[in-house]
PDB file of N, CA and C in Angstrom:
ATOM      1  N   MET A   1      57.865 153.868  87.314  1.00  0.00           N
ATOM      2  CA  MET A   1      59.164 153.769  86.682  1.00  0.00           C
ATOM      3  C   MET A   1      59.299 152.381  86.068  1.00  0.00           C
ATOM      4  N   ALA A   2      59.623 152.335  84.804  1.00  0.00           N
ATOM      5  CA  ALA A   2      59.753 151.060  84.101  1.00  0.00           C
ATOM      6  C   ALA A   2      61.080 150.396  84.453  1.00  0.00           C
ATOM      7  N   LYS A   3      61.025 149.085  84.529  1.00  0.00           N
ATOM      8  CA  LYS A   3      62.256 148.330  84.768  1.00  0.00           C
ATOM      9  C   LYS A   3      62.782 147.842  83.432  1.00  0.00           C
ATOM     10  N   PHE A   4      64.069 147.958  83.252  1.00  0.00           N
ATOM     11  CA  PHE A   4      64.702 147.523  82.016  1.00  0.00           C
ATOM     12  C   PHE A   4      65.468 146.237  82.268  1.00  0.00           C
ATOM     13  N   ALA A   5      65.431 145.366  81.283  1.00  0.00           N
ATOM     14  CA  ALA A   5      66.181 144.111  81.388  1.00  0.00           C
ATOM     15  C   ALA A   5      67.667 144.422  81.335  1.00  0.00           C
ATOM     16  N   THR A   6      68.407 143.714  82.132  1.00  0.00           N
ATOM     17  CA  THR A   6      69.851 143.871  82.121  1.00  0.00           C
ATOM     18  C   THR A   6      70.497 142.526  81.878  1.00  0.00           C
ATOM     19  N   ASN A   7      71.748 142.544  81.544  1.00  0.00           N
ATOM     20  CA  ASN A   7      72.491 141.315  81.289  1.00  0.00           C
ATOM     21  C   ASN A   7      73.103 140.781  82.577  1.00  0.00           C
ATOM     22  N   THR A   8      72.272 140.522  83.562  1.00  0.00           N
ATOM     23  CA  THR A   8      72.787 140.040  84.842  1.00  0.00           C
ATOM     24  C   THR A   8      72.319 138.631  85.185  1.00  0.00           C
ATOM     25  N   ARG A   9      71.365 138.116  84.459  1.00  0.00           N
ATOM     26  CA  ARG A   9      70.873 136.772  84.739  1.00  0.00           C
ATOM     27  C   ARG A   9      71.622 135.744  83.917  1.00  0.00           C
ATOM     28  N   ARG A  10      72.036 134.676  84.573  1.00  0.00           N
ATOM     29  CA  ARG A  10      72.726 133.606  83.862  1.00  0.00           C
ATOM     30  C   ARG A  10      71.782 132.883  82.926  1.00  0.00           C
ATOM     31  N   SER A  11      72.262 132.666  81.746  1.00  0.00           N
ATOM     32  CA  SER A  11      71.515 131.906  80.757  1.00  0.00           C
ATOM     33  C   SER A  11      71.657 130.417  81.048  1.00  0.00           C
ATOM     34  N   GLU A  12      70.718 129.652  80.561  1.00  0.00           N
ATOM     35  CA  GLU A  12      70.863 128.197  80.645  1.00  0.00           C
ATOM     36  C   GLU A  12      72.052 127.730  79.808  1.00  0.00           C
ATOM     37  N   HIS A  13      72.557 128.600  78.951  1.00  0.00           N
ATOM     38  CA  HIS A  13      73.706 128.279  78.099  1.00  0.00           C
ATOM     39  C   HIS A  13      75.028 128.788  78.687  1.00  0.00           C
ATOM     40  N   TYR A  14      74.979 129.217  79.937  1.00  0.00           N
ATOM     41  CA  TYR A  14      76.187 129.703  80.616  1.00  0.00           C
ATOM     42  C   TYR A  14      77.254 128.610  80.562  1.00  0.00           C
ATOM     43  N   GLY A  15      78.456 128.978  80.149  1.00  0.00           N
ATOM     44  CA  GLY A  15      79.565 128.032  80.098  1.00  0.00           C
ATOM     45  C   GLY A  15      79.690 127.253  78.797  1.00  0.00           C
ATOM     46  N   GLN A  16      78.762 127.442  77.863  1.00  0.00           N
ATOM     47  CA  GLN A  16      78.823 126.694  76.607  1.00  0.00           C
ATOM     48  C   GLN A  16      80.057 127.050  75.772  1.00  0.00           C
ATOM     49  N   LEU A  17      80.459 128.311  75.784  1.00  0.00           N
ATOM     50  CA  LEU A  17      81.658 128.669  75.021  1.00  0.00           C
ATOM     51  C   LEU A  17      82.897 128.025  75.625  1.00  0.00           C
ATOM     52  N   GLN A  18      82.914 127.851  76.939  1.00  0.00           N
ATOM     53  CA  GLN A  18      84.041 127.154  77.562  1.00  0.00           C
ATOM     54  C   GLN A  18      84.099 125.716  77.063  1.00  0.00           C
ATOM     55  N   ARG A  19      82.959 125.096  76.902  1.00  0.00           N
ATOM     56  CA  ARG A  19      82.921 123.727  76.373  1.00  0.00           C
ATOM     57  C   ARG A  19      83.455 123.685  74.947  1.00  0.00           C
ATOM     58  N   VAL A  20      83.152 124.702  74.154  1.00  0.00           N
ATOM     59  CA  VAL A  20      83.667 124.774  72.781  1.00  0.00           C
ATOM     60  C   VAL A  20      85.192 124.872  72.814  1.00  0.00           C
ATOM     61  N   VAL A  21      85.712 125.783  73.628  1.00  0.00           N
ATOM     62  CA  VAL A  21      87.171 125.956  73.728  1.00  0.00           C
ATOM     63  C   VAL A  21      87.828 124.655  74.190  1.00  0.00           C
ATOM     64  N   ASP A  22      87.290 124.050  75.235  1.00  0.00           N
ATOM     65  CA  ASP A  22      87.856 122.797  75.728  1.00  0.00           C
ATOM     66  C   ASP A  22      87.830 121.723  74.652  1.00  0.00           C
ATOM     67  N   SER A  23      86.770 121.688  73.878  1.00  0.00           N
ATOM     68  CA  SER A  23      86.627 120.676  72.844  1.00  0.00           C
ATOM     69  C   SER A  23      87.641 120.853  71.712  1.00  0.00           C
ATOM     70  N   VAL A  24      87.851 122.077  71.261  1.00  0.00           N
ATOM     71  CA  VAL A  24      88.784 122.275  70.133  1.00  0.00           C
ATOM     72  C   VAL A  24      90.232 122.033  70.544  1.00  0.00           C
ATOM     73  N   PHE A  25      90.516 122.112  71.829  1.00  0.00           N
ATOM     74  CA  PHE A  25      91.878 121.844  72.303  1.00  0.00           C
ATOM     75  C   PHE A  25      91.987 120.496  73.024  1.00  0.00           C
ATOM     76  N   ALA A  26      90.978 119.646  72.912  1.00  0.00           N
ATOM     77  CA  ALA A  26      90.946 118.372  73.627  1.00  0.00           C
ATOM     78  C   ALA A  26      92.063 117.421  73.210  1.00  0.00           C
ATOM     79  N   ASP A  27      92.520 117.532  71.981  1.00  0.00           N
ATOM     80  CA  ASP A  27      93.569 116.612  71.513  1.00  0.00           C
ATOM     81  C   ASP A  27      94.969 117.039  71.934  1.00  0.00           C
ATOM     82  N   GLY A  28      95.067 118.126  72.668  1.00  0.00           N
ATOM     83  CA  GLY A  28      96.362 118.587  73.154  1.00  0.00           C
ATOM     84  C   GLY A  28      97.151 119.431  72.171  1.00  0.00           C
ATOM     85  N   GLY A  29      96.540 119.753  71.032  1.00  0.00           N
ATOM     86  CA  GLY A  29      97.219 120.589  70.046  1.00  0.00           C
ATOM     87  C   GLY A  29      97.449 121.994  70.571  1.00  0.00           C
ATOM     88  N   LYS A  30      98.416 122.662  69.997  1.00  0.00           N
ATOM     89  CA  LYS A  30      98.750 124.015  70.432  1.00  0.00           C
ATOM     90  C   LYS A  30      98.019 125.082  69.630  1.00  0.00           C
ATOM     91  N   PHE A  31      97.521 124.722  68.445  1.00  0.00           N
ATOM     92  CA  PHE A  31      96.879 125.686  67.562  1.00  0.00           C
ATOM     93  C   PHE A  31      95.589 125.116  66.993  1.00  0.00           C
ATOM     94  N   VAL A  32      94.620 125.998  66.763  1.00  0.00           N
ATOM     95  CA  VAL A  32      93.394 125.637  66.049  1.00  0.00           C
ATOM     96  C   VAL A  32      93.102 126.712  65.022  1.00  0.00           C
ATOM     97  N   ARG A  33      92.431 126.315  63.971  1.00  0.00           N
ATOM     98  CA  ARG A  33      92.009 127.270  62.953  1.00  0.00           C
ATOM     99  C   ARG A  33      90.610 127.782  63.284  1.00  0.00           C
ATOM    100  N   ARG A  34      90.307 128.959  62.804  1.00  0.00           N
ATOM    101  CA  ARG A  34      88.968 129.524  63.011  1.00  0.00           C
ATOM    102  C   ARG A  34      87.901 128.546  62.556  1.00  0.00           C
ATOM    103  N   LEU A  35      88.126 127.910  61.415  1.00  0.00           N
ATOM    104  CA  LEU A  35      87.152 126.960  60.888  1.00  0.00           C
ATOM    105  C   LEU A  35      86.882 125.829  61.882  1.00  0.00           C
ATOM    106  N   ASP A  36      87.924 125.350  62.560  1.00  0.00           N
ATOM    107  CA  ASP A  36      87.743 124.307  63.574  1.00  0.00           C
ATOM    108  C   ASP A  36      86.808 124.784  64.685  1.00  0.00           C
ATOM    109  N   VAL A  37      86.987 126.025  65.088  1.00  0.00           N
ATOM    110  CA  VAL A  37      86.158 126.593  66.161  1.00  0.00           C
ATOM    111  C   VAL A  37      84.717 126.728  65.683  1.00  0.00           C
ATOM    112  N   VAL A  38      84.528 127.218  64.475  1.00  0.00           N
ATOM    113  CA  VAL A  38      83.185 127.411  63.928  1.00  0.00           C
ATOM    114  C   VAL A  38      82.452 126.076  63.811  1.00  0.00           C
ATOM    115  N   VAL A  39      83.108 125.071  63.269  1.00  0.00           N
ATOM    116  CA  VAL A  39      82.471 123.753  63.095  1.00  0.00           C
ATOM    117  C   VAL A  39      82.146 123.127  64.446  1.00  0.00           C
ATOM    118  N   THR A  40      83.059 123.247  65.383  1.00  0.00           N
ATOM    119  CA  THR A  40      82.803 122.704  66.720  1.00  0.00           C
ATOM    120  C   THR A  40      81.638 123.425  67.380  1.00  0.00           C
ATOM    121  N   ALA A  41      81.614 124.742  67.273  1.00  0.00           N
ATOM    122  CA  ALA A  41      80.524 125.519  67.868  1.00  0.00           C
ATOM    123  C   ALA A  41      79.182 125.128  67.251  1.00  0.00           C
ATOM    124  N   GLU A  42      79.164 124.889  65.949  1.00  0.00           N
ATOM    125  CA  GLU A  42      77.920 124.479  65.286  1.00  0.00           C
ATOM    126  C   GLU A  42      77.412 123.155  65.842  1.00  0.00           C
ATOM    127  N   SER A  43      78.309 122.276  66.217  1.00  0.00           N
ATOM    128  CA  SER A  43      77.898 120.973  66.748  1.00  0.00           C
ATOM    129  C   SER A  43      77.276 121.093  68.145  1.00  0.00           C
ATOM    130  N   PHE A  44      77.504 122.213  68.824  1.00  0.00           N
ATOM    131  CA  PHE A  44      76.944 122.432  70.152  1.00  0.00           C
ATOM    132  C   PHE A  44      75.558 123.069  70.103  1.00  0.00           C
ATOM    133  N   ASP A  45      75.091 123.451  68.914  1.00  0.00           N
ATOM    134  CA  ASP A  45      73.771 124.058  68.750  1.00  0.00           C
ATOM    135  C   ASP A  45      73.585 125.218  69.736  1.00  0.00           C
ATOM    136  N   LEU A  46      74.469 126.190  69.626  1.00  0.00           N
ATOM    137  CA  LEU A  46      74.463 127.348  70.513  1.00  0.00           C
ATOM    138  C   LEU A  46      73.320 128.297  70.187  1.00  0.00           C
ATOM    139  N   PRO A  47      72.925 129.123  71.169  1.00  0.00           N
ATOM    140  CA  PRO A  47      71.924 130.154  70.879  1.00  0.00           C
ATOM    141  C   PRO A  47      72.517 131.216  69.938  1.00  0.00           C
ATOM    142  N   ASP A  48      71.644 131.986  69.337  1.00  0.00           N
ATOM    143  CA  ASP A  48      72.074 132.993  68.360  1.00  0.00           C
ATOM    144  C   ASP A  48      73.124 133.954  68.910  1.00  0.00           C
ATOM    145  N   ASP A  49      72.979 134.369  70.166  1.00  0.00           N
ATOM    146  CA  ASP A  49      73.953 135.294  70.760  1.00  0.00           C
ATOM    147  C   ASP A  49      75.361 134.706  70.714  1.00  0.00           C
ATOM    148  N   LEU A  50      75.496 133.444  71.055  1.00  0.00           N
ATOM    149  CA  LEU A  50      76.826 132.826  71.082  1.00  0.00           C
ATOM    150  C   LEU A  50      77.313 132.523  69.672  1.00  0.00           C
ATOM    151  N   ASP A  51      76.402 132.205  68.766  1.00  0.00           N
ATOM    152  CA  ASP A  51      76.796 132.059  67.360  1.00  0.00           C
ATOM    153  C   ASP A  51      77.393 133.366  66.853  1.00  0.00           C
ATOM    154  N   GLU A  52      76.811 134.480  67.292  1.00  0.00           N
ATOM    155  CA  GLU A  52      77.312 135.792  66.893  1.00  0.00           C
ATOM    156  C   GLU A  52      78.742 136.007  67.406  1.00  0.00           C
ATOM    157  N   ILE A  53      79.014 135.591  68.628  1.00  0.00           N
ATOM    158  CA  ILE A  53      80.363 135.723  69.202  1.00  0.00           C
ATOM    159  C   ILE A  53      81.362 134.912  68.375  1.00  0.00           C
ATOM    160  N   ILE A  54      80.994 133.699  68.019  1.00  0.00           N
ATOM    161  CA  ILE A  54      81.874 132.842  67.209  1.00  0.00           C
ATOM    162  C   ILE A  54      82.089 133.475  65.835  1.00  0.00           C
ATOM    163  N   ALA A  55      81.040 134.011  65.255  1.00  0.00           N
ATOM    164  CA  ALA A  55      81.143 134.623  63.917  1.00  0.00           C
ATOM    165  C   ALA A  55      82.064 135.832  63.903  1.00  0.00           C
ATOM    166  N   LEU A  56      82.265 136.463  65.051  1.00  0.00           N
ATOM    167  CA  LEU A  56      83.145 137.638  65.120  1.00  0.00           C
ATOM    168  C   LEU A  56      84.635 137.278  65.109  1.00  0.00           C
ATOM    169  N   LEU A  57      84.948 135.986  65.231  1.00  0.00           N
ATOM    170  CA  LEU A  57      86.373 135.598  65.204  1.00  0.00           C
ATOM    171  C   LEU A  57      86.974 135.920  63.844  1.00  0.00           C
ATOM    172  N   PRO A  58      88.067 136.654  63.825  1.00  0.00           N
ATOM    173  CA  PRO A  58      88.739 136.907  62.544  1.00  0.00           C
ATOM    174  C   PRO A  58      89.374 135.617  62.020  1.00  0.00           C
ATOM    175  N   PRO A  59      89.514 135.498  60.709  1.00  0.00           N
ATOM    176  CA  PRO A  59      90.191 134.323  60.155  1.00  0.00           C
ATOM    177  C   PRO A  59      91.605 134.213  60.728  1.00  0.00           C
ATOM    178  N   GLY A  60      92.062 133.001  60.879  1.00  0.00           N
ATOM    179  CA  GLY A  60      93.429 132.815  61.351  1.00  0.00           C
ATOM    180  C   GLY A  60      93.583 131.562  62.172  1.00  0.00           C
ATOM    181  N   THR A  61      94.770 131.445  62.726  1.00  0.00           N
ATOM    182  CA  THR A  61      95.138 130.326  63.589  1.00  0.00           C
ATOM    183  C   THR A  61      95.296 130.867  64.995  1.00  0.00           C
ATOM    184  N   TYR A  62      94.820 130.097  65.961  1.00  0.00           N
ATOM    185  CA  TYR A  62      94.757 130.566  67.335  1.00  0.00           C
ATOM    186  C   TYR A  62      95.438 129.614  68.309  1.00  0.00           C
ATOM    187  N   THR A  63      96.183 130.193  69.229  1.00  0.00           N
ATOM    188  CA  THR A  63      96.570 129.451  70.425  1.00  0.00           C
ATOM    189  C   THR A  63      95.358 129.514  71.356  1.00  0.00           C
ATOM    190  N   ARG A  64      95.360 128.711  72.389  1.00  0.00           N
ATOM    191  CA  ARG A  64      94.242 128.752  73.332  1.00  0.00           C
ATOM    192  C   ARG A  64      94.098 130.148  73.926  1.00  0.00           C
ATOM    193  N   GLN A  65      95.211 130.755  74.329  1.00  0.00           N
ATOM    194  CA  GLN A  65      95.150 132.079  74.946  1.00  0.00           C
ATOM    195  C   GLN A  65      94.611 133.124  73.984  1.00  0.00           C
ATOM    196  N   ARG A  66      95.068 133.097  72.749  1.00  0.00           N
ATOM    197  CA  ARG A  66      94.597 134.083  71.775  1.00  0.00           C
ATOM    198  C   ARG A  66      93.115 133.882  71.487  1.00  0.00           C
ATOM    199  N   LEU A  67      92.673 132.635  71.371  1.00  0.00           N
ATOM    200  CA  LEU A  67      91.261 132.355  71.142  1.00  0.00           C
ATOM    201  C   LEU A  67      90.425 132.881  72.311  1.00  0.00           C
ATOM    202  N   CYS A  68      90.864 132.591  73.520  1.00  0.00           N
ATOM    203  CA  CYS A  68      90.132 133.065  74.700  1.00  0.00           C
ATOM    204  C   CYS A  68      90.098 134.584  74.750  1.00  0.00           C
ATOM    205  N   ASP A  69      91.206 135.221  74.433  1.00  0.00           N
ATOM    206  CA  ASP A  69      91.242 136.690  74.422  1.00  0.00           C
ATOM    207  C   ASP A  69      90.237 137.249  73.417  1.00  0.00           C
ATOM    208  N   GLN A  70      90.193 136.661  72.226  1.00  0.00           N
ATOM    209  CA  GLN A  70      89.269 137.130  71.188  1.00  0.00           C
ATOM    210  C   GLN A  70      87.816 136.931  71.625  1.00  0.00           C
ATOM    211  N   LEU A  71      87.508 135.752  72.129  1.00  0.00           N
ATOM    212  CA  LEU A  71      86.132 135.470  72.548  1.00  0.00           C
ATOM    213  C   LEU A  71      85.727 136.348  73.728  1.00  0.00           C
ATOM    214  N   ASN A  72      86.621 136.478  74.705  1.00  0.00           N
ATOM    215  CA  ASN A  72      86.301 137.295  75.880  1.00  0.00           C
ATOM    216  C   ASN A  72      86.126 138.760  75.515  1.00  0.00           C
ATOM    217  N   SER A  73      86.877 139.225  74.546  1.00  0.00           N
ATOM    218  CA  SER A  73      86.724 140.605  74.097  1.00  0.00           C
ATOM    219  C   SER A  73      85.334 140.823  73.504  1.00  0.00           C
ATOM    220  N   ALA A  74      84.892 139.889  72.689  1.00  0.00           N
ATOM    221  CA  ALA A  74      83.558 140.001  72.089  1.00  0.00           C
ATOM    222  C   ALA A  74      82.468 139.851  73.150  1.00  0.00           C
ATOM    223  N   ILE A  75      82.653 138.928  74.084  1.00  0.00           N
ATOM    224  CA  ILE A  75      81.682 138.744  75.170  1.00  0.00           C
ATOM    225  C   ILE A  75      81.575 140.024  75.994  1.00  0.00           C
ATOM    226  N   GLY A  76      82.720 140.594  76.336  1.00  0.00           N
ATOM    227  CA  GLY A  76      82.737 141.835  77.108  1.00  0.00           C
ATOM    228  C   GLY A  76      82.124 142.992  76.346  1.00  0.00           C
ATOM    229  N   GLY A  77      82.395 143.056  75.058  1.00  0.00           N
ATOM    230  CA  GLY A  77      81.853 144.125  74.229  1.00  0.00           C
ATOM    231  C   GLY A  77      80.330 144.102  74.156  1.00  0.00           C
ATOM    232  N   HIS A  78      79.767 142.921  74.305  1.00  0.00           N
ATOM    233  CA  HIS A  78      78.308 142.779  74.298  1.00  0.00           C
ATOM    234  C   HIS A  78      77.722 142.779  75.709  1.00  0.00           C
ATOM    235  N   ALA A  79      78.577 142.878  76.715  1.00  0.00           N
ATOM    236  CA  ALA A  79      78.161 142.837  78.131  1.00  0.00           C
ATOM    237  C   ALA A  79      77.438 141.536  78.467  1.00  0.00           C
ATOM    238  N   TRP A  80      77.963 140.422  77.917  1.00  0.00           N
ATOM    239  CA  TRP A  80      77.343 139.121  78.127  1.00  0.00           C
ATOM    240  C   TRP A  80      78.133 138.223  79.071  1.00  0.00           C
ATOM    241  N   GLY A  81      79.129 138.756  79.737  1.00  0.00           N
ATOM    242  CA  GLY A  81      79.952 137.945  80.635  1.00  0.00           C
ATOM    243  C   GLY A  81      79.153 137.272  81.733  1.00  0.00           C
ATOM    244  N   GLN A  82      78.251 137.999  82.356  1.00  0.00           N
ATOM    245  CA  GLN A  82      77.435 137.410  83.426  1.00  0.00           C
ATOM    246  C   GLN A  82      76.353 136.493  82.876  1.00  0.00           C
ATOM    247  N   VAL A  83      75.982 136.713  81.641  1.00  0.00           N
ATOM    248  CA  VAL A  83      74.917 135.915  81.042  1.00  0.00           C
ATOM    249  C   VAL A  83      75.454 134.564  80.549  1.00  0.00           C
ATOM    250  N   TYR A  84      76.582 134.594  79.828  1.00  0.00           N
ATOM    251  CA  TYR A  84      77.104 133.384  79.194  1.00  0.00           C
ATOM    252  C   TYR A  84      78.443 132.924  79.757  1.00  0.00           C
ATOM    253  N   GLY A  85      79.096 133.743  80.539  1.00  0.00           N
ATOM    254  CA  GLY A  85      80.401 133.398  81.086  1.00  0.00           C
ATOM    255  C   GLY A  85      81.520 133.737  80.124  1.00  0.00           C
ATOM    256  N   THR A  86      82.721 133.801  80.668  1.00  0.00           N
ATOM    257  CA  THR A  86      83.913 134.021  79.843  1.00  0.00           C
ATOM    258  C   THR A  86      84.642 132.692  79.720  1.00  0.00           C
ATOM    259  N   VAL A  87      85.711 132.689  78.957  1.00  0.00           N
ATOM    260  CA  VAL A  87      86.453 131.443  78.690  1.00  0.00           C
ATOM    261  C   VAL A  87      87.894 131.587  79.139  1.00  0.00           C
ATOM    262  N   GLU A  88      88.503 130.447  79.421  1.00  0.00           N
ATOM    263  CA  GLU A  88      89.921 130.445  79.799  1.00  0.00           C
ATOM    264  C   GLU A  88      90.635 129.262  79.216  1.00  0.00           C
TER     265      GLU A  88
END
């Protein structure tokens, strides 16, 4: 019986999206633009999987909660929560 890889092992990049979220809200602002998130994420040199999650953000302005909801939805949709972690 062949064993199939599953998304249960933590990546070395686990928690990187949390660092992106923390960074874009570091100045205490209440809102960020999608472009701010994209540029910040690019500076973290994320793996392709996480770049894909960032690219799925719709254009707009985000509160921290809305940004986290959007990112967590995409992470969950790809079943990458255990691999890369969720954000808050």
